[in-house]
C-alpha atoms as a PDB file:
ATOM      1  CA  UNK A   1    -322.072-252.953 -76.230  1.00  0.00           C
ATOM      2  CA  UNK A   2    -320.851-254.044 -72.852  1.00  0.00           C
ATOM      3  CA  UNK A   3    -317.139-253.585 -72.156  1.00  0.00           C
ATOM      4  CA  UNK A   4    -315.031-254.876 -69.271  1.00  0.00           C
ATOM      5  CA  UNK A   5    -311.809-253.299 -68.042  1.00  0.00           C
ATOM      6  CA  UNK A   6    -309.196-254.292 -65.467  1.00  0.00           C
ATOM      7  CA  UNK A   7    -305.810-252.824 -64.638  1.00  0.00           C
ATOM      8  CA  UNK A   8    -303.878-254.910 -67.165  1.00  0.00           C
ATOM      9  CA  UNK A   9    -305.996-253.456 -70.001  1.00  0.00           C
ATOM     10  CA  UNK A  10    -304.504-250.054 -69.206  1.00  0.00           C
ATOM     11  CA  UNK A  11    -300.885-250.710 -68.262  1.00  0.00           C
ATOM     12  CA  UNK A  12    -298.370-252.539 -66.117  1.00  0.00           C
ATOM     13  CA  UNK A  13    -298.340-250.252 -63.079  1.00  0.00           C
ATOM     14  CA  UNK A  14    -302.011-249.290 -62.980  1.00  0.00           C
ATOM     15  CA  UNK A  15    -303.959-249.494 -59.727  1.00  0.00           C
ATOM     16  CA  UNK A  16    -307.546-250.584 -59.351  1.00  0.00           C
ATOM     17  CA  UNK A  17    -308.427-247.007 -58.395  1.00  0.00           C
ATOM     18  CA  UNK A  18    -306.962-245.750 -61.694  1.00  0.00           C
ATOM     19  CA  UNK A  19    -308.825-248.446 -63.652  1.00  0.00           C
ATOM     20  CA  UNK A  20    -312.060-247.429 -61.938  1.00  0.00           C
ATOM     21  CA  UNK A  21    -311.370-243.784 -62.827  1.00  0.00           C
ATOM     22  CA  UNK A  22    -310.996-244.725 -66.515  1.00  0.00           C
ATOM     23  CA  UNK A  23    -314.242-246.695 -66.284  1.00  0.00           C
ATOM     24  CA  UNK A  24    -315.963-243.684 -64.737  1.00  0.00           C
ATOM     25  CA  UNK A  25    -314.688-241.401 -67.528  1.00  0.00           C
ATOM     26  CA  UNK A  26    -315.906-243.849 -70.176  1.00  0.00           C
ATOM     27  CA  UNK A  27    -319.306-244.123 -68.506  1.00  0.00           C
ATOM     28  CA  UNK A  28    -319.547-240.322 -68.552  1.00  0.00           C
ATOM     29  CA  UNK A  29    -318.979-240.550 -72.315  1.00  0.00           C
ATOM     30  CA  UNK A  30    -321.948-242.914 -72.557  1.00  0.00           C
ATOM     31  CA  UNK A  31    -320.219-246.298 -72.699  1.00  0.00           C
ATOM     32  CA  UNK A  32    -321.540-249.383 -70.885  1.00  0.00           C
ATOM     33  CA  UNK A  33    -318.364-250.341 -69.012  1.00  0.00           C
ATOM     34  CA  UNK A  34    -317.683-252.110 -65.752  1.00  0.00           C
ATOM     35  CA  UNK A  35    -314.718-253.407 -63.821  1.00  0.00           C
ATOM     36  CA  UNK A  36    -313.896-257.042 -64.433  1.00  0.00           C
ATOM     37  CA  UNK A  37    -312.764-259.681 -66.835  1.00  0.00           C
ATOM     38  CA  UNK A  38    -315.235-260.582 -69.490  1.00  0.00           C
ATOM     39  CA  UNK A  39    -315.836-260.785 -73.175  1.00  0.00           C
ATOM     40  CA  UNK A  40    -316.952-257.499 -74.683  1.00  0.00           C
ATOM     41  CA  UNK A  41    -320.317-258.198 -76.288  1.00  0.00           C
ATOM     42  CA  UNK A  42    -323.222-256.561 -78.080  1.00  0.00           C
ATOM     43  CA  UNK A  43    -326.166-255.860 -75.817  1.00  0.00           C
ATOM     44  CA  UNK A  44    -328.654-254.627 -78.393  1.00  0.00           C
ATOM     45  CA  UNK A  45    -329.722-256.149 -81.704  1.00  0.00           C
ATOM     46  CA  UNK A  46    -328.838-252.880 -83.468  1.00  0.00           C
ATOM     47  CA  UNK A  47    -325.167-253.460 -82.569  1.00  0.00           C
ATOM     48  CA  UNK A  48    -324.845-256.768 -84.420  1.00  0.00           C
ATOM     49  CA  UNK A  49    -322.819-256.359 -87.575  1.00  0.00           C
ATOM     50  CA  UNK A  50    -321.458-253.009 -86.381  1.00  0.00           C
ATOM     51  CA  UNK A  51    -319.055-254.371 -83.780  1.00  0.00           C
ATOM     52  CA  UNK A  52    -315.904-253.203 -85.595  1.00  0.00           C
ATOM     53  CA  UNK A  53    -317.109-249.598 -85.817  1.00  0.00           C
ATOM     54  CA  UNK A  54    -318.196-249.655 -82.174  1.00  0.00           C
ATOM     55  CA  UNK A  55    -314.840-251.143 -81.084  1.00  0.00           C
ATOM     56  CA  UNK A  56    -313.000-248.402 -82.986  1.00  0.00           C
ATOM     57  CA  UNK A  57    -315.045-245.631 -81.366  1.00  0.00           C
ATOM     58  CA  UNK A  58    -314.582-247.222 -77.955  1.00  0.00           C
ATOM     59  CA  UNK A  59    -310.821-247.573 -78.507  1.00  0.00           C
ATOM     60  CA  UNK A  60    -310.587-243.885 -79.420  1.00  0.00           C
ATOM     61  CA  UNK A  61    -312.423-242.852 -76.240  1.00  0.00           C
ATOM     62  CA  UNK A  62    -310.455-245.387 -74.167  1.00  0.00           C
ATOM     63  CA  UNK A  63    -307.126-243.948 -75.337  1.00  0.00           C
ATOM     64  CA  UNK A  64    -308.357-240.397 -74.678  1.00  0.00           C
ATOM     65  CA  UNK A  65    -309.338-241.358 -71.131  1.00  0.00           C
ATOM     66  CA  UNK A  66    -305.979-243.044 -70.500  1.00  0.00           C
ATOM     67  CA  UNK A  67    -304.153-239.927 -71.734  1.00  0.00           C
ATOM     68  CA  UNK A  68    -306.317-237.785 -69.453  1.00  0.00           C
ATOM     69  CA  UNK A  69    -305.586-240.074 -66.515  1.00  0.00           C
ATOM     70  CA  UNK A  70    -301.844-239.848 -67.215  1.00  0.00           C
ATOM     71  CA  UNK A  71    -302.061-236.048 -67.353  1.00  0.00           C
ATOM     72  CA  UNK A  72    -303.976-235.980 -64.057  1.00  0.00           C
ATOM     73  CA  UNK A  73    -301.311-237.994 -62.206  1.00  0.00           C
ATOM     74  CA  UNK A  74    -298.235-236.210 -63.559  1.00  0.00           C
ATOM     75  CA  UNK A  75    -296.166-234.613 -60.785  1.00  0.00           C
ATOM     76  CA  UNK A  76    -296.218-230.830 -60.801  1.00  0.00           C
END
């Protein structure tokens, strides 16, 4: 599936650089993600009918990446 992410998908005070970092982390996990506004969509016939399961797995990884980003920017 192809996913699109912009700052507002992550939070109110998120910069483009932070959004791009989340995208990079998701890509490292094997997701097809890019910066921008768009409708998330299946890109392979094998994904049709499995969208809900794919969305759930993506959401889990997305939340993990956001938590990691938040940990990385915490003041020491």
